[in-house]
Amino acid sequence: MKPVPTLVRMIVTGLVVAAAAVGARWMWIHYQVEPWTRDGRVRADVVEVSPDVSALVAAVDVDDNQAVRKGQRLFTLDQPRFQVALEQAQAALLSQTTALAQARREDARNRGLGDLVPGETVEQGAARVAELRAAVAQATAARDAARLNLTRTVVYAPMDGVVANATLHPGDYVAAGRPALGLVDSATLHVDGYFEETKLSRIRVGDPVTVELMGDPRRLQGHVASISPGIEDRERGPSGDLLPNVNPTFSWVRLAQRIPVRIQLDRLPADAQLIAGRTATVIVHPTDPARRTRKAWL
């Protein structure tokens, strides 16, 4: 077997080294420079649905993970107590209204008699009318409040969404202002991509984006909606003398911070399962040629 000429070996070695250099350069640009990340999450606003009054739950009209429309009834509270309160308020208003009418008749009669009625009596009658007029206004407000409380015993969906973690059951006691169930706002579904700060110079608001959900081979189209204006500085905390308390660090390696970039999805397949919390890969396609590092180098 004849030995391989030295020139051939040098050419082969040079080609291998060149290919390795090209591959290393490509990998460096792809992983360190190009604006893409596997650290993406599907996000949505979760509305904590709370009753405006405290009472026992009479009926739950939705199931867990059920899609609901704005204005759809979610659950109903026990109403008899609020109905009784409304009837009491209406009776109190009727009593005050009757007393005011009687006081107005007496005041008109006293004024009509002229000098036959002492001036002090006329003044007392006018004061009585003013006092009862205020009492009627207060009773009217109490009646309206009781009626409002009765209507608030039925809780409706404030927007289109999906019921999340519904553990409410008839007989449970719910307090006013305390969350009773969660509602994922379908209109706010978006993707947050957490990009290294070294890649932000190649990302602009409006750039087209490709999103790949883990477990779904389809590519979703979107665009950069916004870039977060700030993140938490975990190395800095409060101190007693109002000076910044910065933790000392002895690390020789500086890690790039992750900055949230909000991605608005433009076109969605009808059967796309956008579940808040799903993992996504986010790829930004810069529209400015000066930011297309990989294509310019190639």
C-alpha atoms as a PDB file:
ATOM      1  CA  MET A   1       0.000   0.000   0.000  1.00  0.00           C
ATOM      2  CA  LYS A   2       1.465   3.345  -1.058  1.00  0.00           C
ATOM      3  CA  PRO A   3       1.832   6.057   1.569  1.00  0.00           C
ATOM      4  CA  VAL A   4      -0.423   9.122   1.266  1.00  0.00           C
ATOM      5  CA  PRO A   5       1.546  12.080  -0.082  1.00  0.00           C
ATOM      6  CA  THR A   6       2.329  14.819   2.408  1.00  0.00           C
ATOM      7  CA  LEU A   7       0.568  17.448   0.295  1.00  0.00           C
ATOM      8  CA  VAL A   8      -2.660  15.485   0.308  1.00  0.00           C
ATOM      9  CA  ARG A   9      -2.507  15.088   4.074  1.00  0.00           C
ATOM     10  CA  MET A  10      -1.922  18.808   4.460  1.00  0.00           C
ATOM     11  CA  ILE A  11      -4.880  19.626   2.205  1.00  0.00           C
ATOM     12  CA  VAL A  12      -7.178  17.237   4.066  1.00  0.00           C
ATOM     13  CA  THR A  13      -6.004  18.595   7.423  1.00  0.00           C
ATOM     14  CA  GLY A  14      -6.546  22.158   6.255  1.00  0.00           C
ATOM     15  CA  LEU A  15     -10.072  21.367   5.054  1.00  0.00           C
ATOM     16  CA  VAL A  16     -10.908  19.716   8.370  1.00  0.00           C
ATOM     17  CA  VAL A  17      -9.558  22.677  10.321  1.00  0.00           C
ATOM     18  CA  ALA A  18     -11.443  25.135   8.095  1.00  0.00           C
ATOM     19  CA  ALA A  19     -14.667  23.154   8.480  1.00  0.00           C
ATOM     20  CA  ALA A  20     -14.184  23.071  12.248  1.00  0.00           C
ATOM     21  CA  ALA A  21     -13.557  26.827  12.305  1.00  0.00           C
ATOM     22  CA  VAL A  22     -16.662  27.476  10.215  1.00  0.00           C
ATOM     23  CA  GLY A  23     -18.721  25.180  12.438  1.00  0.00           C
ATOM     24  CA  ALA A  24     -17.378  26.790  15.600  1.00  0.00           C
ATOM     25  CA  ARG A  25     -18.084  30.254  14.227  1.00  0.00           C
ATOM     26  CA  TRP A  26     -21.595  29.224  13.200  1.00  0.00           C
ATOM     27  CA  MET A  27     -22.317  27.744  16.620  1.00  0.00           C
ATOM     28  CA  TRP A  28     -21.006  30.855  18.369  1.00  0.00           C
ATOM     29  CA  ILE A  29     -23.237  33.145  16.322  1.00  0.00           C
ATOM     30  CA  HIS A  30     -26.236  30.812  16.547  1.00  0.00           C
ATOM     31  CA  TYR A  31     -26.114  30.322  20.321  1.00  0.00           C
ATOM     32  CA  GLN A  32     -24.515  33.551  21.540  1.00  0.00           C
ATOM     33  CA  VAL A  33     -25.540  36.260  19.071  1.00  0.00           C
ATOM     34  CA  GLU A  34     -28.746  35.424  17.205  1.00  0.00           C
ATOM     35  CA  PRO A  35     -31.938  36.570  18.962  1.00  0.00           C
ATOM     36  CA  TRP A  36     -33.634  33.337  19.901  1.00  0.00           C
ATOM     37  CA  THR A  37     -34.252  31.494  23.146  1.00  0.00           C
ATOM     38  CA  ARG A  38     -35.710  28.253  24.396  1.00  0.00           C
ATOM     39  CA  ASP A  39     -36.667  30.004  27.637  1.00  0.00           C
ATOM     40  CA  GLY A  40     -40.171  31.102  26.665  1.00  0.00           C
ATOM     41  CA  ARG A  41     -43.496  30.733  28.432  1.00  0.00           C
ATOM     42  CA  VAL A  42     -47.120  31.131  27.431  1.00  0.00           C
ATOM     43  CA  ARG A  43     -48.655  33.743  29.724  1.00  0.00           C
ATOM     44  CA  ALA A  44     -52.126  35.096  30.396  1.00  0.00           C
ATOM     45  CA  ASP A  45     -53.736  37.403  32.924  1.00  0.00           C
ATOM     46  CA  VAL A  46     -55.617  35.556  35.653  1.00  0.00           C
ATOM     47  CA  VAL A  47     -58.561  37.420  37.155  1.00  0.00           C
ATOM     48  CA  GLU A  48     -59.396  36.553  40.742  1.00  0.00           C
ATOM     49  CA  VAL A  49     -63.184  36.509  40.828  1.00  0.00           C
ATOM     50  CA  SER A  50     -64.425  37.663  44.231  1.00  0.00           C
ATOM     51  CA  PRO A  51     -67.962  38.214  45.537  1.00  0.00           C
ATOM     52  CA  ASP A  52     -68.974  41.686  46.655  1.00  0.00           C
ATOM     53  CA  VAL A  53     -70.939  40.310  49.623  1.00  0.00           C
ATOM     54  CA  SER A  54     -70.308  37.574  52.171  1.00  0.00           C
ATOM     55  CA  ALA A  55     -72.637  34.584  52.193  1.00  0.00           C
ATOM     56  CA  LEU A  56     -72.980  30.849  51.700  1.00  0.00           C
ATOM     57  CA  VAL A  57     -72.682  29.498  48.169  1.00  0.00           C
ATOM     58  CA  ALA A  58     -76.070  28.330  46.932  1.00  0.00           C
ATOM     59  CA  ALA A  59     -75.113  27.053  43.465  1.00  0.00           C
ATOM     60  CA  VAL A  60     -72.055  26.761  41.242  1.00  0.00           C
ATOM     61  CA  ASP A  61     -72.889  27.087  37.561  1.00  0.00           C
ATOM     62  CA  VAL A  62     -69.509  26.282  35.968  1.00  0.00           C
ATOM     63  CA  ASP A  63     -67.033  23.430  36.029  1.00  0.00           C
ATOM     64  CA  ASP A  64     -63.278  23.475  36.295  1.00  0.00           C
ATOM     65  CA  ASN A  65     -61.497  24.277  32.991  1.00  0.00           C
ATOM     66  CA  GLN A  66     -64.763  25.385  31.401  1.00  0.00           C
ATOM     67  CA  ALA A  67     -64.713  28.162  28.810  1.00  0.00           C
ATOM     68  CA  VAL A  68     -67.133  30.962  29.665  1.00  0.00           C
ATOM     69  CA  ARG A  69     -68.336  34.131  27.968  1.00  0.00           C
ATOM     70  CA  LYS A  70     -68.498  37.608  29.434  1.00  0.00           C
ATOM     71  CA  GLY A  71     -71.663  37.992  31.492  1.00  0.00           C
ATOM     72  CA  GLN A  72     -72.153  34.253  32.014  1.00  0.00           C
ATOM     73  CA  ARG A  73     -73.233  33.284  35.528  1.00  0.00           C
ATOM     74  CA  LEU A  74     -70.456  31.675  37.557  1.00  0.00           C
ATOM     75  CA  PHE A  75     -72.020  31.045  40.961  1.00  0.00           C
ATOM     76  CA  THR A  76     -74.901  32.195  43.138  1.00  0.00           C
ATOM     77  CA  LEU A  77     -74.887  33.050  46.837  1.00  0.00           C
ATOM     78  CA  ASP A  78     -77.656  32.420  49.348  1.00  0.00           C
ATOM     79  CA  GLN A  79     -80.267  35.150  48.753  1.00  0.00           C
ATOM     80  CA  PRO A  80     -83.013  34.995  51.467  1.00  0.00           C
ATOM     81  CA  ARG A  81     -81.062  37.090  53.978  1.00  0.00           C
ATOM     82  CA  PHE A  82     -80.458  39.797  51.381  1.00  0.00           C
ATOM     83  CA  GLN A  83     -84.105  39.661  50.295  1.00  0.00           C
ATOM     84  CA  VAL A  84     -85.210  40.225  53.898  1.00  0.00           C
ATOM     85  CA  ALA A  85     -82.766  43.136  54.213  1.00  0.00           C
ATOM     86  CA  LEU A  86     -84.240  44.709  51.081  1.00  0.00           C
ATOM     87  CA  GLU A  87     -87.786  44.352  52.397  1.00  0.00           C
ATOM     88  CA  GLN A  88     -86.777  45.960  55.699  1.00  0.00           C
ATOM     89  CA  ALA A  89     -85.149  48.846  53.835  1.00  0.00           C
ATOM     90  CA  GLN A  90     -88.270  49.329  51.697  1.00  0.00           C
ATOM     91  CA  ALA A  91     -90.475  49.355  54.816  1.00  0.00           C
ATOM     92  CA  ALA A  92     -88.219  51.927  56.499  1.00  0.00           C
ATOM     93  CA  LEU A  93     -88.363  54.110  53.379  1.00  0.00           C
ATOM     94  CA  LEU A  94     -92.169  53.886  53.303  1.00  0.00           C
ATOM     95  CA  SER A  95     -92.350  54.888  56.967  1.00  0.00           C
ATOM     96  CA  GLN A  96     -90.095  57.906  56.462  1.00  0.00           C
ATOM     97  CA  THR A  97     -91.953  58.925  53.297  1.00  0.00           C
ATOM     98  CA  THR A  98     -95.289  58.815  55.147  1.00  0.00           C
ATOM     99  CA  ALA A  99     -93.901  60.881  58.014  1.00  0.00           C
ATOM    100  CA  LEU A 100     -92.513  63.439  55.575  1.00  0.00           C
ATOM    101  CA  ALA A 101     -95.861  63.794  53.829  1.00  0.00           C
ATOM    102  CA  GLN A 102     -97.601  64.356  57.166  1.00  0.00           C
ATOM    103  CA  ALA A 103     -94.988  66.927  58.223  1.00  0.00           C
ATOM    104  CA  ARG A 104     -95.388  68.810  54.944  1.00  0.00           C
ATOM    105  CA  ARG A 105     -99.178  68.982  55.407  1.00  0.00           C
ATOM    106  CA  GLU A 106     -98.804  70.295  58.950  1.00  0.00           C
ATOM    107  CA  ASP A 107     -96.221  72.852  57.837  1.00  0.00           C
ATOM    108  CA  ALA A 108     -98.462  74.048  55.008  1.00  0.00           C
ATOM    109  CA  ARG A 109    -101.448  74.346  57.380  1.00  0.00           C
ATOM    110  CA  ASN A 110     -99.441  76.320  59.932  1.00  0.00           C
ATOM    111  CA  ARG A 111     -98.200  78.720  57.295  1.00  0.00           C
ATOM    112  CA  GLY A 112    -101.721  79.131  55.940  1.00  0.00           C
ATOM    113  CA  LEU A 113    -103.085  80.199  59.350  1.00  0.00           C
ATOM    114  CA  GLY A 114    -100.781  83.213  59.376  1.00  0.00           C
ATOM    115  CA  ASP A 115    -100.571  85.076  62.721  1.00  0.00           C
ATOM    116  CA  LEU A 116    -102.818  82.553  64.424  1.00  0.00           C
ATOM    117  CA  VAL A 117     -99.835  80.200  64.723  1.00  0.00           C
ATOM    118  CA  PRO A 118     -96.738  81.302  66.693  1.00  0.00           C
ATOM    119  CA  GLY A 119     -93.614  81.827  64.606  1.00  0.00           C
ATOM    120  CA  GLU A 120     -91.736  79.313  66.715  1.00  0.00           C
ATOM    121  CA  THR A 121     -94.210  76.595  65.757  1.00  0.00           C
ATOM    122  CA  VAL A 122     -93.806  77.452  62.068  1.00  0.00           C
ATOM    123  CA  GLU A 123     -90.013  77.236  62.370  1.00  0.00           C
ATOM    124  CA  GLN A 124     -90.256  73.898  64.158  1.00  0.00           C
ATOM    125  CA  GLY A 125     -92.533  72.579  61.414  1.00  0.00           C
ATOM    126  CA  ALA A 126     -90.061  73.652  58.687  1.00  0.00           C
ATOM    127  CA  ALA A 127     -87.211  72.042  60.599  1.00  0.00           C
ATOM    128  CA  ARG A 128     -89.232  68.861  60.954  1.00  0.00           C
ATOM    129  CA  VAL A 129     -89.801  68.777  57.201  1.00  0.00           C
ATOM    130  CA  ALA A 130     -86.091  69.274  56.477  1.00  0.00           C
ATOM    131  CA  GLU A 131     -85.169  66.561  58.986  1.00  0.00           C
ATOM    132  CA  LEU A 132     -87.578  64.061  57.486  1.00  0.00           C
ATOM    133  CA  ARG A 133     -86.448  64.947  53.960  1.00  0.00           C
ATOM    134  CA  ALA A 134     -82.913  63.965  54.966  1.00  0.00           C
ATOM    135  CA  ALA A 135     -84.239  60.802  56.610  1.00  0.00           C
ATOM    136  CA  VAL A 136     -86.047  59.857  53.389  1.00  0.00           C
ATOM    137  CA  ALA A 137     -82.846  60.379  51.391  1.00  0.00           C
ATOM    138  CA  GLN A 138     -80.949  58.172  53.837  1.00  0.00           C
ATOM    139  CA  ALA A 139     -83.638  55.498  53.716  1.00  0.00           C
ATOM    140  CA  THR A 140     -83.594  55.630  49.911  1.00  0.00           C
ATOM    141  CA  ALA A 141     -79.837  55.076  49.900  1.00  0.00           C
ATOM    142  CA  ALA A 142     -80.240  52.166  52.336  1.00  0.00           C
ATOM    143  CA  ARG A 143     -82.914  50.666  50.067  1.00  0.00           C
ATOM    144  CA  ASP A 144     -80.669  51.019  47.018  1.00  0.00           C
ATOM    145  CA  ALA A 145     -77.738  49.445  48.886  1.00  0.00           C
ATOM    146  CA  ALA A 146     -79.880  46.496  49.962  1.00  0.00           C
ATOM    147  CA  ARG A 147     -81.099  46.040  46.400  1.00  0.00           C
ATOM    148  CA  LEU A 148     -77.518  46.201  45.107  1.00  0.00           C
ATOM    149  CA  ASN A 149     -76.385  43.600  47.658  1.00  0.00           C
ATOM    150  CA  LEU A 150     -79.181  41.312  46.484  1.00  0.00           C
ATOM    151  CA  THR A 151     -78.120  41.630  42.857  1.00  0.00           C
ATOM    152  CA  ARG A 152     -74.489  41.025  43.816  1.00  0.00           C
ATOM    153  CA  THR A 153     -75.384  37.565  45.135  1.00  0.00           C
ATOM    154  CA  VAL A 154     -75.153  36.400  41.528  1.00  0.00           C
ATOM    155  CA  VAL A 155     -71.554  36.551  40.253  1.00  0.00           C
ATOM    156  CA  TYR A 156     -70.949  36.812  36.514  1.00  0.00           C
ATOM    157  CA  ALA A 157     -67.838  36.397  34.382  1.00  0.00           C
ATOM    158  CA  PRO A 158     -66.205  39.818  33.857  1.00  0.00           C
ATOM    159  CA  MET A 159     -64.696  38.739  30.501  1.00  0.00           C
ATOM    160  CA  ASP A 160     -64.290  35.807  28.148  1.00  0.00           C
ATOM    161  CA  GLY A 161     -62.004  33.198  29.613  1.00  0.00           C
ATOM    162  CA  VAL A 162     -61.504  29.776  31.092  1.00  0.00           C
ATOM    163  CA  VAL A 163     -62.315  28.822  34.669  1.00  0.00           C
ATOM    164  CA  ALA A 164     -59.148  27.737  36.470  1.00  0.00           C
ATOM    165  CA  ASN A 165     -58.858  25.641  39.614  1.00  0.00           C
ATOM    166  CA  ALA A 166     -62.541  25.871  40.493  1.00  0.00           C
ATOM    167  CA  THR A 167     -62.850  24.224  43.898  1.00  0.00           C
ATOM    168  CA  LEU A 168     -66.014  26.075  44.925  1.00  0.00           C
ATOM    169  CA  HIS A 169     -68.961  23.975  46.106  1.00  0.00           C
ATOM    170  CA  PRO A 170     -72.479  24.713  47.361  1.00  0.00           C
ATOM    171  CA  GLY A 171     -72.383  25.252  51.096  1.00  0.00           C
ATOM    172  CA  ASP A 172     -68.968  26.913  51.106  1.00  0.00           C
ATOM    173  CA  TYR A 173     -68.823  30.294  52.802  1.00  0.00           C
ATOM    174  CA  VAL A 174     -67.199  33.065  50.789  1.00  0.00           C
ATOM    175  CA  ALA A 175     -66.176  36.450  52.139  1.00  0.00           C
ATOM    176  CA  ALA A 176     -66.504  39.736  50.323  1.00  0.00           C
ATOM    177  CA  GLY A 177     -63.320  40.611  48.490  1.00  0.00           C
ATOM    178  CA  ARG A 178     -61.777  37.151  48.938  1.00  0.00           C
ATOM    179  CA  PRO A 179     -61.035  35.291  45.664  1.00  0.00           C
ATOM    180  CA  ALA A 180     -63.485  32.451  45.092  1.00  0.00           C
ATOM    181  CA  LEU A 181     -62.158  31.169  41.764  1.00  0.00           C
ATOM    182  CA  GLY A 182     -59.762  32.126  38.995  1.00  0.00           C
ATOM    183  CA  LEU A 183     -60.562  33.080  35.431  1.00  0.00           C
ATOM    184  CA  VAL A 184     -57.871  33.007  32.738  1.00  0.00           C
ATOM    185  CA  ASP A 185     -58.455  35.952  30.408  1.00  0.00           C
ATOM    186  CA  SER A 186     -58.332  34.471  26.903  1.00  0.00           C
ATOM    187  CA  ALA A 187     -57.765  37.879  25.294  1.00  0.00           C
ATOM    188  CA  THR A 188     -54.449  38.341  27.105  1.00  0.00           C
ATOM    189  CA  LEU A 189     -52.761  35.118  25.960  1.00  0.00           C
ATOM    190  CA  HIS A 190     -49.227  35.885  24.821  1.00  0.00           C
ATOM    191  CA  VAL A 191     -45.695  34.515  25.023  1.00  0.00           C
ATOM    192  CA  ASP A 192     -42.900  35.884  27.194  1.00  0.00           C
ATOM    193  CA  GLY A 193     -39.443  35.159  25.826  1.00  0.00           C
ATOM    194  CA  TYR A 194     -36.585  35.583  28.290  1.00  0.00           C
ATOM    195  CA  PHE A 195     -33.632  36.776  26.215  1.00  0.00           C
ATOM    196  CA  GLU A 196     -30.064  37.262  27.364  1.00  0.00           C
ATOM    197  CA  GLU A 197     -29.190  40.925  27.594  1.00  0.00           C
ATOM    198  CA  THR A 198     -26.399  40.426  25.050  1.00  0.00           C
ATOM    199  CA  LYS A 199     -29.066  39.761  22.384  1.00  0.00           C
ATOM    200  CA  LEU A 200     -31.309  42.752  23.048  1.00  0.00           C
ATOM    201  CA  SER A 201     -29.475  44.982  20.563  1.00  0.00           C
ATOM    202  CA  ARG A 202     -30.873  42.781  17.772  1.00  0.00           C
ATOM    203  CA  ILE A 203     -34.466  42.930  18.973  1.00  0.00           C
ATOM    204  CA  ARG A 204     -36.874  45.744  18.150  1.00  0.00           C
ATOM    205  CA  VAL A 205     -40.567  46.229  18.815  1.00  0.00           C
ATOM    206  CA  GLY A 206     -42.487  45.046  15.773  1.00  0.00           C
ATOM    207  CA  ASP A 207     -39.956  42.427  14.618  1.00  0.00           C
ATOM    208  CA  PRO A 208     -41.649  39.251  13.315  1.00  0.00           C
ATOM    209  CA  VAL A 209     -41.340  36.228  15.595  1.00  0.00           C
ATOM    210  CA  THR A 210     -41.700  32.476  15.231  1.00  0.00           C
ATOM    211  CA  VAL A 211     -42.913  30.558  18.294  1.00  0.00           C
ATOM    212  CA  GLU A 212     -42.580  26.807  18.721  1.00  0.00           C
ATOM    213  CA  LEU A 213     -44.472  25.233  21.601  1.00  0.00           C
ATOM    214  CA  MET A 214     -42.884  22.202  23.203  1.00  0.00           C
ATOM    215  CA  GLY A 215     -44.660  19.105  21.958  1.00  0.00           C
ATOM    216  CA  ASP A 216     -46.265  20.912  19.006  1.00  0.00           C
ATOM    217  CA  PRO A 217     -44.373  20.814  15.668  1.00  0.00           C
ATOM    218  CA  ARG A 218     -46.290  23.756  14.220  1.00  0.00           C
ATOM    219  CA  ARG A 219     -44.747  27.202  14.097  1.00  0.00           C
ATOM    220  CA  LEU A 220     -46.862  30.085  15.351  1.00  0.00           C
ATOM    221  CA  GLN A 221     -46.383  33.573  13.948  1.00  0.00           C
ATOM    222  CA  GLY A 222     -46.246  36.726  16.039  1.00  0.00           C
ATOM    223  CA  HIS A 223     -44.341  39.925  16.622  1.00  0.00           C
ATOM    224  CA  VAL A 224     -42.435  41.675  19.390  1.00  0.00           C
ATOM    225  CA  ALA A 225     -44.992  43.713  21.333  1.00  0.00           C
ATOM    226  CA  SER A 226     -42.751  45.193  24.024  1.00  0.00           C
ATOM    227  CA  ILE A 227     -39.532  44.779  25.991  1.00  0.00           C
ATOM    228  CA  SER A 228     -39.555  44.839  29.763  1.00  0.00           C
ATOM    229  CA  PRO A 229     -38.234  48.147  31.183  1.00  0.00           C
ATOM    230  CA  GLY A 230     -36.604  46.524  34.226  1.00  0.00           C
ATOM    231  CA  ILE A 231     -35.962  43.398  36.268  1.00  0.00           C
ATOM    232  CA  GLU A 232     -35.400  42.765  39.965  1.00  0.00           C
ATOM    233  CA  ASP A 233     -31.877  43.333  41.300  1.00  0.00           C
ATOM    234  CA  ARG A 234     -31.482  40.439  43.725  1.00  0.00           C
ATOM    235  CA  GLU A 235     -28.034  41.595  44.818  1.00  0.00           C
ATOM    236  CA  ARG A 236     -29.397  44.779  46.333  1.00  0.00           C
ATOM    237  CA  GLY A 237     -31.612  45.024  49.387  1.00  0.00           C
ATOM    238  CA  PRO A 238     -32.765  47.589  51.964  1.00  0.00           C
ATOM    239  CA  SER A 239     -30.651  48.611  54.937  1.00  0.00           C
ATOM    240  CA  GLY A 240     -31.331  50.346  58.223  1.00  0.00           C
ATOM    241  CA  ASP A 241     -29.467  53.562  57.368  1.00  0.00           C
ATOM    242  CA  LEU A 242     -31.231  54.043  53.999  1.00  0.00           C
ATOM    243  CA  LEU A 243     -28.077  53.155  52.047  1.00  0.00           C
ATOM    244  CA  PRO A 244     -28.102  50.418  49.393  1.00  0.00           C
ATOM    245  CA  ASN A 245     -27.148  47.028  50.784  1.00  0.00           C
ATOM    246  CA  VAL A 246     -25.213  45.298  47.993  1.00  0.00           C
ATOM    247  CA  ASN A 247     -24.160  41.685  48.520  1.00  0.00           C
ATOM    248  CA  PRO A 248     -20.445  41.141  47.812  1.00  0.00           C
ATOM    249  CA  THR A 249     -19.725  38.759  44.970  1.00  0.00           C
ATOM    250  CA  PHE A 250     -16.549  36.809  44.251  1.00  0.00           C
ATOM    251  CA  SER A 251     -17.600  35.200  40.999  1.00  0.00           C
ATOM    252  CA  TRP A 252     -15.142  35.397  38.128  1.00  0.00           C
ATOM    253  CA  VAL A 253     -17.878  34.682  35.599  1.00  0.00           C
ATOM    254  CA  ARG A 254     -20.503  37.263  34.715  1.00  0.00           C
ATOM    255  CA  LEU A 255     -23.776  35.720  33.623  1.00  0.00           C
ATOM    256  CA  ALA A 256     -26.008  37.606  31.209  1.00  0.00           C
ATOM    257  CA  GLN A 257     -29.310  38.669  32.748  1.00  0.00           C
ATOM    258  CA  ARG A 258     -32.551  37.420  31.238  1.00  0.00           C
ATOM    259  CA  ILE A 259     -34.873  40.200  30.029  1.00  0.00           C
ATOM    260  CA  PRO A 260     -38.566  39.445  29.376  1.00  0.00           C
ATOM    261  CA  VAL A 261     -39.757  40.254  25.845  1.00  0.00           C
ATOM    262  CA  ARG A 262     -43.511  40.159  25.262  1.00  0.00           C
ATOM    263  CA  ILE A 263     -44.592  38.389  22.065  1.00  0.00           C
ATOM    264  CA  GLN A 264     -48.050  38.994  20.621  1.00  0.00           C
ATOM    265  CA  LEU A 265     -49.306  36.073  18.551  1.00  0.00           C
ATOM    266  CA  ASP A 266     -50.847  37.095  15.214  1.00  0.00           C
ATOM    267  CA  ARG A 267     -52.303  33.955  13.677  1.00  0.00           C
ATOM    268  CA  LEU A 268     -53.361  30.928  15.677  1.00  0.00           C
ATOM    269  CA  PRO A 269     -54.607  27.551  14.468  1.00  0.00           C
ATOM    270  CA  ALA A 270     -58.119  26.794  15.656  1.00  0.00           C
ATOM    271  CA  ASP A 271     -56.905  23.771  17.625  1.00  0.00           C
ATOM    272  CA  ALA A 272     -53.820  25.414  19.145  1.00  0.00           C
ATOM    273  CA  GLN A 273     -53.586  24.643  22.866  1.00  0.00           C
ATOM    274  CA  LEU A 274     -52.305  27.874  24.343  1.00  0.00           C
ATOM    275  CA  ILE A 275     -52.098  26.910  27.986  1.00  0.00           C
ATOM    276  CA  ALA A 276     -50.563  29.422  30.349  1.00  0.00           C
ATOM    277  CA  GLY A 277     -47.234  28.077  31.547  1.00  0.00           C
ATOM    278  CA  ARG A 278     -46.369  26.002  28.448  1.00  0.00           C
ATOM    279  CA  THR A 279     -42.735  26.082  27.357  1.00  0.00           C
ATOM    280  CA  ALA A 280     -41.928  27.753  24.051  1.00  0.00           C
ATOM    281  CA  THR A 281     -38.974  28.483  21.809  1.00  0.00           C
ATOM    282  CA  VAL A 282     -38.975  32.061  20.559  1.00  0.00           C
ATOM    283  CA  ILE A 283     -37.098  33.073  17.394  1.00  0.00           C
ATOM    284  CA  VAL A 284     -36.925  36.749  16.432  1.00  0.00           C
ATOM    285  CA  HIS A 285     -36.392  37.661  12.779  1.00  0.00           C
ATOM    286  CA  PRO A 286     -34.844  41.153  12.679  1.00  0.00           C
ATOM    287  CA  THR A 287     -36.209  43.355   9.913  1.00  0.00           C
ATOM    288  CA  ASP A 288     -33.144  45.626   9.912  1.00  0.00           C
ATOM    289  CA  PRO A 289     -30.388  44.131   7.662  1.00  0.00           C
ATOM    290  CA  ALA A 290     -27.713  45.487  10.013  1.00  0.00           C
ATOM    291  CA  ARG A 291     -29.038  43.179  12.755  1.00  0.00           C
ATOM    292  CA  ARG A 292     -29.075  40.005  10.635  1.00  0.00           C
ATOM    293  CA  THR A 293     -25.718  38.820  11.934  1.00  0.00           C
ATOM    294  CA  ARG A 294     -25.863  35.262  10.697  1.00  0.00           C
ATOM    295  CA  LYS A 295     -27.044  36.022   7.169  1.00  0.00           C
ATOM    296  CA  ALA A 296     -24.584  38.875   6.766  1.00  0.00           C
ATOM    297  CA  TRP A 297     -21.706  36.629   7.847  1.00  0.00           C
ATOM    298  CA  LEU A 298     -22.833  33.794   5.573  1.00  0.00           C
END
